Amino acid sequence: MIRTKAKEVMRTRTIILVAILICSCSKDAPNSITDPGSVAHATTLQGSVSGILTKDSSPYNVIADITVESNDSLLIEPGVKILFFDSTALFVFGQITSVGEQERPITFTAFNHAWFGINIDESSGDNQFRYCEISKIETPYHSTPEKGSVTLRNSRVSITNCIIKNNRADDGGALSSTGSEVTLMNNILMDNQATSFAGAILSRSSVSTILNNTIYRNSSSNYGGAIVIIDPVGEEIQNNIIHSNSSTSGDSRIAIFAGDASLVIVNFNFLGTDDLDPDFVSASDVRLLPYSPCIDQGNPASEYNDVDGSLNDQGAFGGPLGDWRGFGLRDVAAD
């Protein structure tokens, strides 16, 4: 009799222990999905987001679309990594501030294969991205007009010291802007693709300042390999390196598709051809070698000078914001 009761007690304890383990696993499962390079127990995001995304809670797994509503703001701390599940996207109707640091960039990328990109639409604030890397976006084919990997509509956005690479979209492999005020300074736009217009940047009815960027190896299956401008309101394109971009039709460097060309200022850019090379350190490290033809060849006005006071070097590492190493490039050597 005593042995029977003891067996029943042991069996009951075993059942309780198994139940506790099952409950614990079920509770932790939503936050434990990671890619091979992620920290275990990532934070899950979906729906409306606002406030602060902290480094301590990174990485973040976006399992469904996330939205910054029109009356909200989102601040992302340096070093945060955001991984988007397939077919998910970020929508901003309020304000986003994503400012990393040179040694602690902010990463927007796919959890697995590809995601649907960043959409800033009728935003109520001044949006800012600095020291960010944006990659592995692939937008739905023919989803909406002027759909880019980063899509701006009737908004104000500043993008500086960022790397936007390995993305694919209909119009604007890296970025598409419509009716917006955009500042693009000291960015690397590299290996992006468009199926229709602009392997890198599509600017339509916008006011854009495009200074000291390196726009390299982007492509369009149709028109304009690097920059395409439609119905310009005011465009300033200076001190950039635009090299090795390709398209089936139109100028593969800077193409004005429609509108008044007098509203587009194009000065002091390196518009490389097959027989004229900017002399990068390597195919994946786009810093300039000492004998590069882009050294000191930007706008000579003092406001464009490099950090050391010398004349502007064309490309992402020239000008007042050029003192960064270009994180994320495989062959970047220690300074």
C-alpha atoms as a PDB file:
ATOM      1  CA  MET A   1       0.000   0.000   0.000  1.00  0.00           C
ATOM      2  CA  ILE A   2       2.798   2.401   0.968  1.00  0.00           C
ATOM      3  CA  ARG A   3       4.739   1.537  -2.225  1.00  0.00           C
ATOM      4  CA  THR A   4       1.623   2.202  -4.356  1.00  0.00           C
ATOM      5  CA  LYS A   5       1.132   5.626  -2.793  1.00  0.00           C
ATOM      6  CA  ALA A   6       4.807   6.453  -3.283  1.00  0.00           C
ATOM      7  CA  LYS A   7       4.565   5.562  -6.974  1.00  0.00           C
ATOM      8  CA  GLU A   8       1.490   7.764  -7.338  1.00  0.00           C
ATOM      9  CA  VAL A   9       3.288  10.683  -5.663  1.00  0.00           C
ATOM     10  CA  MET A  10       6.308  10.264  -7.973  1.00  0.00           C
ATOM     11  CA  ARG A  11       4.048  10.066 -11.020  1.00  0.00           C
ATOM     12  CA  THR A  12       2.181  13.222  -9.944  1.00  0.00           C
ATOM     13  CA  ARG A  13       5.456  15.126  -9.417  1.00  0.00           C
ATOM     14  CA  THR A  14       6.679  14.044 -12.839  1.00  0.00           C
ATOM     15  CA  ILE A  15       3.466  15.256 -14.509  1.00  0.00           C
ATOM     16  CA  ILE A  16       3.696  18.605 -12.706  1.00  0.00           C
ATOM     17  CA  LEU A  17       7.359  19.024 -13.698  1.00  0.00           C
ATOM     18  CA  VAL A  18       6.633  18.268 -17.371  1.00  0.00           C
ATOM     19  CA  ALA A  19       3.714  20.722 -17.328  1.00  0.00           C
ATOM     20  CA  ILE A  20       5.947  23.455 -15.891  1.00  0.00           C
ATOM     21  CA  LEU A  21       8.569  22.851 -18.581  1.00  0.00           C
ATOM     22  CA  ILE A  22       5.966  22.960 -21.370  1.00  0.00           C
ATOM     23  CA  CYS A  23       4.481  26.208 -20.045  1.00  0.00           C
ATOM     24  CA  SER A  24       7.941  27.750 -19.711  1.00  0.00           C
ATOM     25  CA  CYS A  25       8.867  26.877 -23.300  1.00  0.00           C
ATOM     26  CA  SER A  26       5.570  28.200 -24.663  1.00  0.00           C
ATOM     27  CA  LYS A  27       5.981  31.470 -22.778  1.00  0.00           C
ATOM     28  CA  ASP A  28       9.525  32.060 -24.034  1.00  0.00           C
ATOM     29  CA  ALA A  29       8.976  30.890 -27.633  1.00  0.00           C
ATOM     30  CA  PRO A  30       7.876  34.225 -29.179  1.00  0.00           C
ATOM     31  CA  ASN A  31      11.067  35.957 -27.999  1.00  0.00           C
ATOM     32  CA  SER A  32      13.536  33.150 -28.642  1.00  0.00           C
ATOM     33  CA  ILE A  33      13.565  33.070 -32.462  1.00  0.00           C
ATOM     34  CA  THR A  34      16.969  34.216 -33.668  1.00  0.00           C
ATOM     35  CA  ASP A  35      19.195  34.041 -36.699  1.00  0.00           C
ATOM     36  CA  PRO A  36      22.645  32.461 -36.335  1.00  0.00           C
ATOM     37  CA  GLY A  37      24.254  35.821 -35.583  1.00  0.00           C
ATOM     38  CA  SER A  38      21.650  37.064 -33.129  1.00  0.00           C
ATOM     39  CA  VAL A  39      21.580  37.086 -29.376  1.00  0.00           C
ATOM     40  CA  ALA A  40      19.078  34.610 -27.933  1.00  0.00           C
ATOM     41  CA  HIS A  41      15.749  35.882 -26.604  1.00  0.00           C
ATOM     42  CA  ALA A  42      15.335  38.780 -29.007  1.00  0.00           C
ATOM     43  CA  THR A  43      12.543  41.278 -28.381  1.00  0.00           C
ATOM     44  CA  THR A  44       9.488  40.860 -30.603  1.00  0.00           C
ATOM     45  CA  LEU A  45       7.899  43.856 -32.367  1.00  0.00           C
ATOM     46  CA  GLN A  46       4.597  44.226 -34.226  1.00  0.00           C
ATOM     47  CA  GLY A  47       1.844  46.834 -34.611  1.00  0.00           C
ATOM     48  CA  SER A  48       2.232  50.396 -33.306  1.00  0.00           C
ATOM     49  CA  VAL A  49       5.628  51.342 -31.877  1.00  0.00           C
ATOM     50  CA  SER A  50       6.762  54.519 -30.114  1.00  0.00           C
ATOM     51  CA  GLY A  51       9.142  55.657 -27.405  1.00  0.00           C
ATOM     52  CA  ILE A  52      12.665  54.221 -27.351  1.00  0.00           C
ATOM     53  CA  LEU A  53      14.165  51.050 -28.787  1.00  0.00           C
ATOM     54  CA  THR A  54      17.063  50.445 -26.394  1.00  0.00           C
ATOM     55  CA  LYS A  55      20.362  48.707 -27.006  1.00  0.00           C
ATOM     56  CA  ASP A  56      19.774  46.563 -23.917  1.00  0.00           C
ATOM     57  CA  SER A  57      16.672  45.003 -25.512  1.00  0.00           C
ATOM     58  CA  SER A  58      18.293  44.488 -28.930  1.00  0.00           C
ATOM     59  CA  PRO A  59      18.072  42.612 -31.246  1.00  0.00           C
ATOM     60  CA  TYR A  60      14.434  43.193 -32.206  1.00  0.00           C
ATOM     61  CA  ASN A  61      12.522  40.687 -34.328  1.00  0.00           C
ATOM     62  CA  VAL A  62       9.761  42.317 -36.400  1.00  0.00           C
ATOM     63  CA  ILE A  63       7.209  39.542 -36.908  1.00  0.00           C
ATOM     64  CA  ALA A  64       4.490  41.778 -38.473  1.00  0.00           C
ATOM     65  CA  ASP A  65       4.411  45.340 -39.843  1.00  0.00           C
ATOM     66  CA  ILE A  66       5.374  48.048 -37.358  1.00  0.00           C
ATOM     67  CA  THR A  67       3.993  51.595 -37.493  1.00  0.00           C
ATOM     68  CA  VAL A  68       4.929  54.921 -35.917  1.00  0.00           C
ATOM     69  CA  GLU A  69       1.546  56.645 -35.802  1.00  0.00           C
ATOM     70  CA  SER A  70       1.073  60.299 -36.805  1.00  0.00           C
ATOM     71  CA  ASN A  71       1.124  61.639 -33.233  1.00  0.00           C
ATOM     72  CA  ASP A  72       3.950  59.405 -32.043  1.00  0.00           C
ATOM     73  CA  SER A  73       7.742  59.387 -32.261  1.00  0.00           C
ATOM     74  CA  LEU A  74      10.316  56.618 -32.193  1.00  0.00           C
ATOM     75  CA  LEU A  75      13.922  56.970 -30.999  1.00  0.00           C
ATOM     76  CA  ILE A  76      16.386  54.178 -31.776  1.00  0.00           C
ATOM     77  CA  GLU A  77      19.531  53.979 -29.674  1.00  0.00           C
ATOM     78  CA  PRO A  78      23.036  53.393 -31.091  1.00  0.00           C
ATOM     79  CA  GLY A  79      23.924  49.749 -31.602  1.00  0.00           C
ATOM     80  CA  VAL A  80      20.354  48.500 -32.031  1.00  0.00           C
ATOM     81  CA  LYS A  81      19.780  45.714 -34.566  1.00  0.00           C
ATOM     82  CA  ILE A  82      16.299  45.296 -36.086  1.00  0.00           C
ATOM     83  CA  LEU A  83      15.572  42.070 -37.984  1.00  0.00           C
ATOM     84  CA  PHE A  84      12.482  42.048 -40.206  1.00  0.00           C
ATOM     85  CA  PHE A  85      10.688  38.801 -40.979  1.00  0.00           C
ATOM     86  CA  ASP A  86       9.752  38.144 -44.618  1.00  0.00           C
ATOM     87  CA  SER A  87       7.137  40.541 -46.068  1.00  0.00           C
ATOM     88  CA  THR A  88       7.193  42.894 -43.063  1.00  0.00           C
ATOM     89  CA  ALA A  89       7.868  46.650 -43.205  1.00  0.00           C
ATOM     90  CA  LEU A  90       8.293  49.825 -41.180  1.00  0.00           C
ATOM     91  CA  PHE A  91       5.734  52.622 -41.684  1.00  0.00           C
ATOM     92  CA  VAL A  92       6.322  56.110 -40.291  1.00  0.00           C
ATOM     93  CA  PHE A  93       3.510  58.658 -40.144  1.00  0.00           C
ATOM     94  CA  GLY A  94       4.905  60.390 -37.076  1.00  0.00           C
ATOM     95  CA  GLN A  95       8.631  60.897 -36.513  1.00  0.00           C
ATOM     96  CA  ILE A  96      11.650  58.594 -36.399  1.00  0.00           C
ATOM     97  CA  THR A  97      15.113  59.434 -35.056  1.00  0.00           C
ATOM     98  CA  SER A  98      17.618  56.691 -35.797  1.00  0.00           C
ATOM     99  CA  VAL A  99      21.039  58.072 -34.918  1.00  0.00           C
ATOM    100  CA  GLY A 100      23.807  55.585 -34.282  1.00  0.00           C
ATOM    101  CA  GLU A 101      27.481  56.102 -33.684  1.00  0.00           C
ATOM    102  CA  GLN A 102      30.454  55.262 -35.860  1.00  0.00           C
ATOM    103  CA  GLU A 103      31.421  52.345 -33.611  1.00  0.00           C
ATOM    104  CA  ARG A 104      27.786  51.441 -32.811  1.00  0.00           C
ATOM    105  CA  PRO A 105      25.704  51.722 -35.997  1.00  0.00           C
ATOM    106  CA  ILE A 106      22.002  50.921 -36.156  1.00  0.00           C
ATOM    107  CA  THR A 107      21.092  47.996 -38.421  1.00  0.00           C
ATOM    108  CA  PHE A 108      17.877  47.471 -40.398  1.00  0.00           C
ATOM    109  CA  THR A 109      17.993  44.152 -42.234  1.00  0.00           C
ATOM    110  CA  ALA A 110      16.157  40.914 -42.989  1.00  0.00           C
ATOM    111  CA  PHE A 111      15.759  38.188 -40.403  1.00  0.00           C
ATOM    112  CA  ASN A 112      16.007  35.614 -43.166  1.00  0.00           C
ATOM    113  CA  HIS A 113      15.512  36.399 -46.865  1.00  0.00           C
ATOM    114  CA  ALA A 114      14.042  39.859 -47.496  1.00  0.00           C
ATOM    115  CA  TRP A 115      11.650  42.446 -46.097  1.00  0.00           C
ATOM    116  CA  PHE A 116       9.447  45.179 -47.565  1.00  0.00           C
ATOM    117  CA  GLY A 117      11.399  48.273 -46.525  1.00  0.00           C
ATOM    118  CA  ILE A 118      10.941  51.645 -44.822  1.00  0.00           C
ATOM    119  CA  ASN A 119       7.990  53.872 -45.719  1.00  0.00           C
ATOM    120  CA  ILE A 120       7.840  57.465 -44.462  1.00  0.00           C
ATOM    121  CA  ASP A 121       4.494  58.847 -45.592  1.00  0.00           C
ATOM    122  CA  GLU A 122       2.965  62.243 -44.762  1.00  0.00           C
ATOM    123  CA  SER A 123       5.236  62.324 -41.740  1.00  0.00           C
ATOM    124  CA  SER A 124       4.525  64.981 -39.128  1.00  0.00           C
ATOM    125  CA  GLY A 125       8.141  65.462 -38.027  1.00  0.00           C
ATOM    126  CA  ASP A 126      11.758  65.836 -39.097  1.00  0.00           C
ATOM    127  CA  ASN A 127      13.087  62.328 -39.603  1.00  0.00           C
ATOM    128  CA  GLN A 128      16.740  61.472 -39.216  1.00  0.00           C
ATOM    129  CA  PHE A 129      18.981  58.510 -40.010  1.00  0.00           C
ATOM    130  CA  ARG A 130      22.701  58.631 -39.225  1.00  0.00           C
ATOM    131  CA  TYR A 131      25.222  55.833 -38.916  1.00  0.00           C
ATOM    132  CA  CYS A 132      22.678  53.271 -40.060  1.00  0.00           C
ATOM    133  CA  GLU A 133      22.961  50.279 -42.349  1.00  0.00           C
ATOM    134  CA  ILE A 134      19.893  49.348 -44.401  1.00  0.00           C
ATOM    135  CA  SER A 135      20.011  46.133 -46.414  1.00  0.00           C
ATOM    136  CA  LYS A 136      18.200  43.101 -47.877  1.00  0.00           C
ATOM    137  CA  ILE A 137      14.972  44.876 -48.807  1.00  0.00           C
ATOM    138  CA  GLU A 138      12.973  43.450 -51.694  1.00  0.00           C
ATOM    139  CA  THR A 139       9.685  45.227 -52.300  1.00  0.00           C
ATOM    140  CA  PRO A 140       6.718  43.508 -53.985  1.00  0.00           C
ATOM    141  CA  TYR A 141       6.867  43.769 -57.760  1.00  0.00           C
ATOM    142  CA  HIS A 142       4.679  46.635 -59.042  1.00  0.00           C
ATOM    143  CA  SER A 143       3.215  47.205 -55.583  1.00  0.00           C
ATOM    144  CA  THR A 144       2.681  51.005 -55.700  1.00  0.00           C
ATOM    145  CA  PRO A 145       3.991  53.835 -57.927  1.00  0.00           C
ATOM    146  CA  GLU A 146       7.447  55.168 -57.026  1.00  0.00           C
ATOM    147  CA  LYS A 147       7.985  52.386 -54.520  1.00  0.00           C
ATOM    148  CA  GLY A 148      11.590  52.297 -53.353  1.00  0.00           C
ATOM    149  CA  SER A 149      13.456  50.327 -50.758  1.00  0.00           C
ATOM    150  CA  VAL A 150      13.210  53.452 -48.615  1.00  0.00           C
ATOM    151  CA  THR A 151      10.088  55.332 -49.741  1.00  0.00           C
ATOM    152  CA  LEU A 152       9.470  58.981 -48.856  1.00  0.00           C
ATOM    153  CA  ARG A 153       6.211  60.763 -49.585  1.00  0.00           C
ATOM    154  CA  ASN A 154       5.504  64.369 -48.572  1.00  0.00           C
ATOM    155  CA  SER A 155       7.981  64.181 -45.713  1.00  0.00           C
ATOM    156  CA  ARG A 156      11.234  65.710 -44.431  1.00  0.00           C
ATOM    157  CA  VAL A 157      14.158  63.316 -44.077  1.00  0.00           C
ATOM    158  CA  SER A 158      17.896  63.585 -43.428  1.00  0.00           C
ATOM    159  CA  ILE A 159      20.121  60.576 -44.184  1.00  0.00           C
ATOM    160  CA  THR A 160      23.833  60.950 -43.379  1.00  0.00           C
ATOM    161  CA  ASN A 161      26.784  58.583 -42.918  1.00  0.00           C
ATOM    162  CA  CYS A 162      24.622  55.574 -43.782  1.00  0.00           C
ATOM    163  CA  ILE A 163      25.187  52.497 -45.902  1.00  0.00           C
ATOM    164  CA  ILE A 164      22.242  51.407 -48.061  1.00  0.00           C
ATOM    165  CA  LYS A 165      23.176  48.260 -49.937  1.00  0.00           C
ATOM    166  CA  ASN A 166      21.896  45.032 -51.489  1.00  0.00           C
ATOM    167  CA  ASN A 167      18.276  46.135 -51.889  1.00  0.00           C
ATOM    168  CA  ARG A 168      15.776  45.742 -54.727  1.00  0.00           C
ATOM    169  CA  ALA A 169      12.676  47.784 -55.588  1.00  0.00           C
ATOM    170  CA  ASP A 170      10.552  48.932 -58.531  1.00  0.00           C
ATOM    171  CA  ASP A 171      11.634  52.594 -58.524  1.00  0.00           C
ATOM    172  CA  GLY A 172      14.638  53.633 -56.495  1.00  0.00           C
ATOM    173  CA  GLY A 173      16.725  50.619 -55.580  1.00  0.00           C
ATOM    174  CA  ALA A 174      17.983  52.496 -52.528  1.00  0.00           C
ATOM    175  CA  LEU A 175      15.512  55.361 -52.150  1.00  0.00           C
ATOM    176  CA  SER A 176      12.431  56.885 -53.763  1.00  0.00           C
ATOM    177  CA  SER A 177      11.282  60.407 -52.893  1.00  0.00           C
ATOM    178  CA  THR A 178       8.025  62.056 -53.945  1.00  0.00           C
ATOM    179  CA  GLY A 179       7.046  65.572 -52.861  1.00  0.00           C
ATOM    180  CA  SER A 180       9.605  65.517 -50.068  1.00  0.00           C
ATOM    181  CA  GLU A 181      12.532  67.498 -48.646  1.00  0.00           C
ATOM    182  CA  VAL A 182      15.535  65.195 -48.557  1.00  0.00           C
ATOM    183  CA  THR A 183      19.138  65.608 -47.444  1.00  0.00           C
ATOM    184  CA  LEU A 184      21.551  62.854 -48.460  1.00  0.00           C
ATOM    185  CA  MET A 185      25.112  63.471 -47.279  1.00  0.00           C
ATOM    186  CA  ASN A 186      28.116  61.150 -47.002  1.00  0.00           C
ATOM    187  CA  ASN A 187      26.290  57.907 -47.673  1.00  0.00           C
ATOM    188  CA  ILE A 188      27.326  54.767 -49.519  1.00  0.00           C
ATOM    189  CA  LEU A 189      24.606  53.518 -51.901  1.00  0.00           C
ATOM    190  CA  MET A 190      25.930  50.264 -53.263  1.00  0.00           C
ATOM    191  CA  ASP A 191      24.708  47.152 -55.103  1.00  0.00           C
ATOM    192  CA  ASN A 192      21.047  48.200 -55.192  1.00  0.00           C
ATOM    193  CA  GLN A 193      18.688  47.279 -58.045  1.00  0.00           C
ATOM    194  CA  ALA A 194      15.519  48.665 -59.605  1.00  0.00           C
ATOM    195  CA  THR A 195      13.201  46.930 -62.029  1.00  0.00           C
ATOM    196  CA  SER A 196      11.890  50.152 -63.564  1.00  0.00           C
ATOM    197  CA  PHE A 197      13.490  53.503 -62.624  1.00  0.00           C
ATOM    198  CA  ALA A 198      16.718  54.444 -60.819  1.00  0.00           C
ATOM    199  CA  GLY A 199      19.061  51.825 -59.495  1.00  0.00           C
ATOM    200  CA  ALA A 200      19.887  54.059 -56.531  1.00  0.00           C
ATOM    201  CA  ILE A 201      17.799  57.268 -56.171  1.00  0.00           C
ATOM    202  CA  LEU A 202      14.487  58.343 -57.703  1.00  0.00           C
ATOM    203  CA  SER A 203      13.551  61.952 -56.916  1.00  0.00           C
ATOM    204  CA  ARG A 204      10.156  63.172 -58.075  1.00  0.00           C
ATOM    205  CA  SER A 205       8.722  66.648 -57.404  1.00  0.00           C
ATOM    206  CA  SER A 206      11.112  66.956 -54.472  1.00  0.00           C
ATOM    207  CA  VAL A 207      13.717  69.288 -53.002  1.00  0.00           C
ATOM    208  CA  SER A 208      16.849  67.180 -52.648  1.00  0.00           C
ATOM    209  CA  THR A 209      20.366  67.924 -51.456  1.00  0.00           C
ATOM    210  CA  ILE A 210      22.680  65.112 -52.558  1.00  0.00           C
ATOM    211  CA  LEU A 211      26.234  65.844 -51.386  1.00  0.00           C
ATOM    212  CA  ASN A 212      29.366  63.725 -51.012  1.00  0.00           C
ATOM    213  CA  ASN A 213      27.826  60.317 -51.553  1.00  0.00           C
ATOM    214  CA  THR A 214      29.404  57.283 -53.170  1.00  0.00           C
ATOM    215  CA  ILE A 215      26.869  55.741 -55.551  1.00  0.00           C
ATOM    216  CA  TYR A 216      28.436  52.554 -56.816  1.00  0.00           C
ATOM    217  CA  ARG A 217      27.439  49.374 -58.705  1.00  0.00           C
ATOM    218  CA  ASN A 218      23.698  50.056 -58.712  1.00  0.00           C
ATOM    219  CA  SER A 219      21.573  48.944 -61.645  1.00  0.00           C
ATOM    220  CA  SER A 220      18.184  49.321 -63.291  1.00  0.00           C
ATOM    221  CA  SER A 221      16.570  46.811 -65.610  1.00  0.00           C
ATOM    222  CA  ASN A 222      14.939  49.738 -67.390  1.00  0.00           C
ATOM    223  CA  TYR A 223      15.897  53.412 -66.989  1.00  0.00           C
ATOM    224  CA  GLY A 224      18.662  55.182 -65.075  1.00  0.00           C
ATOM    225  CA  GLY A 225      21.351  53.242 -63.264  1.00  0.00           C
ATOM    226  CA  ALA A 226      22.093  55.720 -60.452  1.00  0.00           C
ATOM    227  CA  ILE A 227      19.937  58.877 -60.103  1.00  0.00           C
ATOM    228  CA  VAL A 228      16.695  59.665 -61.929  1.00  0.00           C
ATOM    229  CA  ILE A 229      14.946  63.026 -61.509  1.00  0.00           C
ATOM    230  CA  ILE A 230      11.330  63.612 -62.504  1.00  0.00           C
ATOM    231  CA  ASP A 231       9.672  67.050 -62.374  1.00  0.00           C
ATOM    232  CA  PRO A 232      12.302  68.653 -60.141  1.00  0.00           C
ATOM    233  CA  VAL A 233      11.429  71.369 -57.649  1.00  0.00           C
ATOM    234  CA  GLY A 234      15.028  71.955 -56.589  1.00  0.00           C
ATOM    235  CA  GLU A 235      17.943  69.505 -56.807  1.00  0.00           C
ATOM    236  CA  GLU A 236      21.535  70.026 -55.685  1.00  0.00           C
ATOM    237  CA  ILE A 237      23.882  67.198 -56.696  1.00  0.00           C
ATOM    238  CA  GLN A 238      27.503  67.942 -55.824  1.00  0.00           C
ATOM    239  CA  ASN A 239      30.751  66.252 -54.816  1.00  0.00           C
ATOM    240  CA  ASN A 240      29.489  62.705 -55.364  1.00  0.00           C
ATOM    241  CA  ILE A 241      31.267  59.699 -56.843  1.00  0.00           C
ATOM    242  CA  ILE A 242      28.877  58.022 -59.296  1.00  0.00           C
ATOM    243  CA  HIS A 243      30.629  55.003 -60.740  1.00  0.00           C
ATOM    244  CA  SER A 244      29.951  51.585 -62.303  1.00  0.00           C
ATOM    245  CA  ASN A 245      26.178  51.940 -62.349  1.00  0.00           C
ATOM    246  CA  SER A 246      24.211  50.432 -65.226  1.00  0.00           C
ATOM    247  CA  SER A 247      20.829  50.568 -66.937  1.00  0.00           C
ATOM    248  CA  THR A 248      19.149  49.362 -70.099  1.00  0.00           C
ATOM    249  CA  SER A 249      18.193  52.900 -71.160  1.00  0.00           C
ATOM    250  CA  GLY A 250      18.757  56.491 -70.103  1.00  0.00           C
ATOM    251  CA  ASP A 251      21.938  57.933 -68.604  1.00  0.00           C
ATOM    252  CA  SER A 252      23.281  55.422 -66.092  1.00  0.00           C
ATOM    253  CA  ARG A 253      24.655  58.264 -63.947  1.00  0.00           C
ATOM    254  CA  ILE A 254      22.258  61.243 -63.640  1.00  0.00           C
ATOM    255  CA  ALA A 255      19.121  61.215 -65.795  1.00  0.00           C
ATOM    256  CA  ILE A 256      16.458  63.922 -65.912  1.00  0.00           C
ATOM    257  CA  PHE A 257      13.413  62.069 -67.169  1.00  0.00           C
ATOM    258  CA  ALA A 258      10.963  64.992 -67.215  1.00  0.00           C
ATOM    259  CA  GLY A 259      10.717  68.597 -66.054  1.00  0.00           C
ATOM    260  CA  ASP A 260      12.809  71.763 -66.009  1.00  0.00           C
ATOM    261  CA  ALA A 261      16.521  70.861 -66.044  1.00  0.00           C
ATOM    262  CA  SER A 262      17.435  74.395 -64.900  1.00  0.00           C
ATOM    263  CA  LEU A 263      16.130  73.454 -61.449  1.00  0.00           C
ATOM    264  CA  VAL A 264      18.861  70.831 -61.121  1.00  0.00           C
ATOM    265  CA  ILE A 265      22.350  71.892 -59.989  1.00  0.00           C
ATOM    266  CA  VAL A 266      24.990  69.323 -60.938  1.00  0.00           C
ATOM    267  CA  ASN A 267      28.573  70.292 -60.052  1.00  0.00           C
ATOM    268  CA  PHE A 268      31.908  68.761 -59.072  1.00  0.00           C
ATOM    269  CA  ASN A 269      30.841  65.118 -59.316  1.00  0.00           C
ATOM    270  CA  PHE A 270      33.021  62.235 -60.419  1.00  0.00           C
ATOM    271  CA  LEU A 271      31.009  60.635 -63.197  1.00  0.00           C
ATOM    272  CA  GLY A 272      33.185  57.648 -63.893  1.00  0.00           C
ATOM    273  CA  THR A 273      33.331  55.731 -67.145  1.00  0.00           C
ATOM    274  CA  ASP A 274      34.803  52.328 -67.885  1.00  0.00           C
ATOM    275  CA  ASP A 275      38.200  53.861 -68.615  1.00  0.00           C
ATOM    276  CA  LEU A 276      38.201  56.331 -65.689  1.00  0.00           C
ATOM    277  CA  ASP A 277      38.389  54.840 -62.224  1.00  0.00           C
ATOM    278  CA  PRO A 278      38.031  56.559 -58.807  1.00  0.00           C
ATOM    279  CA  ASP A 279      40.714  54.258 -57.369  1.00  0.00           C
ATOM    280  CA  PHE A 280      38.956  52.808 -54.365  1.00  0.00           C
ATOM    281  CA  VAL A 281      40.939  50.811 -51.811  1.00  0.00           C
ATOM    282  CA  SER A 282      39.146  47.686 -53.065  1.00  0.00           C
ATOM    283  CA  ALA A 283      35.913  46.564 -54.694  1.00  0.00           C
ATOM    284  CA  SER A 284      34.182  46.564 -51.309  1.00  0.00           C
ATOM    285  CA  ASP A 285      36.105  49.333 -49.531  1.00  0.00           C
ATOM    286  CA  VAL A 286      35.231  52.608 -51.234  1.00  0.00           C
ATOM    287  CA  ARG A 287      37.664  54.811 -49.407  1.00  0.00           C
ATOM    288  CA  LEU A 288      40.068  56.572 -51.757  1.00  0.00           C
ATOM    289  CA  LEU A 289      43.674  55.653 -52.416  1.00  0.00           C
ATOM    290  CA  PRO A 290      46.153  58.559 -52.069  1.00  0.00           C
ATOM    291  CA  TYR A 291      46.473  58.936 -55.842  1.00  0.00           C
ATOM    292  CA  SER A 292      42.711  58.885 -56.559  1.00  0.00           C
ATOM    293  CA  PRO A 293      41.523  61.452 -59.130  1.00  0.00           C
ATOM    294  CA  CYS A 294      38.719  62.322 -56.654  1.00  0.00           C
ATOM    295  CA  ILE A 295      41.072  63.838 -54.060  1.00  0.00           C
ATOM    296  CA  ASP A 296      40.502  67.625 -53.640  1.00  0.00           C
ATOM    297  CA  GLN A 297      38.150  67.677 -56.635  1.00  0.00           C
ATOM    298  CA  GLY A 298      34.873  68.632 -54.940  1.00  0.00           C
ATOM    299  CA  ASN A 299      33.421  72.119 -54.676  1.00  0.00           C
ATOM    300  CA  PRO A 300      36.364  74.411 -53.701  1.00  0.00           C
ATOM    301  CA  ALA A 301      34.209  76.708 -51.548  1.00  0.00           C
ATOM    302  CA  SER A 302      35.395  76.563 -47.924  1.00  0.00           C
ATOM    303  CA  GLU A 303      31.998  75.384 -46.635  1.00  0.00           C
ATOM    304  CA  TYR A 304      32.597  72.070 -48.431  1.00  0.00           C
ATOM    305  CA  ASN A 305      36.141  71.528 -47.117  1.00  0.00           C
ATOM    306  CA  ASP A 306      37.201  68.254 -45.583  1.00  0.00           C
ATOM    307  CA  VAL A 307      37.523  67.926 -41.812  1.00  0.00           C
ATOM    308  CA  ASP A 308      41.247  68.737 -41.966  1.00  0.00           C
ATOM    309  CA  GLY A 309      40.545  71.987 -43.864  1.00  0.00           C
ATOM    310  CA  SER A 310      41.746  70.723 -47.254  1.00  0.00           C
ATOM    311  CA  LEU A 311      39.679  70.897 -50.424  1.00  0.00           C
ATOM    312  CA  ASN A 312      36.666  68.629 -50.663  1.00  0.00           C
ATOM    313  CA  ASP A 313      37.346  65.025 -51.624  1.00  0.00           C
ATOM    314  CA  GLN A 314      34.532  63.673 -53.757  1.00  0.00           C
ATOM    315  CA  GLY A 315      32.557  60.776 -52.354  1.00  0.00           C
ATOM    316  CA  ALA A 316      31.367  59.524 -48.979  1.00  0.00           C
ATOM    317  CA  PHE A 317      34.572  60.352 -47.090  1.00  0.00           C
ATOM    318  CA  GLY A 318      34.927  63.961 -48.155  1.00  0.00           C
ATOM    319  CA  GLY A 319      33.501  67.194 -46.809  1.00  0.00           C
ATOM    320  CA  PRO A 320      32.563  68.219 -43.249  1.00  0.00           C
ATOM    321  CA  LEU A 321      30.910  64.851 -42.469  1.00  0.00           C
ATOM    322  CA  GLY A 322      33.533  62.705 -44.174  1.00  0.00           C
ATOM    323  CA  ASP A 323      35.437  61.604 -41.083  1.00  0.00           C
ATOM    324  CA  TRP A 324      33.937  58.118 -40.789  1.00  0.00           C
ATOM    325  CA  ARG A 325      35.329  54.736 -41.715  1.00  0.00           C
ATOM    326  CA  GLY A 326      32.326  53.314 -43.515  1.00  0.00           C
ATOM    327  CA  PHE A 327      31.344  50.556 -41.115  1.00  0.00           C
ATOM    328  CA  GLY A 328      30.044  47.381 -42.717  1.00  0.00           C
ATOM    329  CA  LEU A 329      32.585  47.264 -45.533  1.00  0.00           C
ATOM    330  CA  ARG A 330      34.451  43.996 -45.373  1.00  0.00           C
ATOM    331  CA  ASP A 331      37.872  45.280 -46.361  1.00  0.00           C
ATOM    332  CA  VAL A 332      38.018  48.433 -44.242  1.00  0.00           C
ATOM    333  CA  ALA A 333      41.373  48.389 -42.462  1.00  0.00           C
ATOM    334  CA  ALA A 334      42.023  49.872 -39.043  1.00  0.00           C
ATOM    335  CA  ASP A 335      42.987  53.536 -39.157  1.00  0.00           C
END
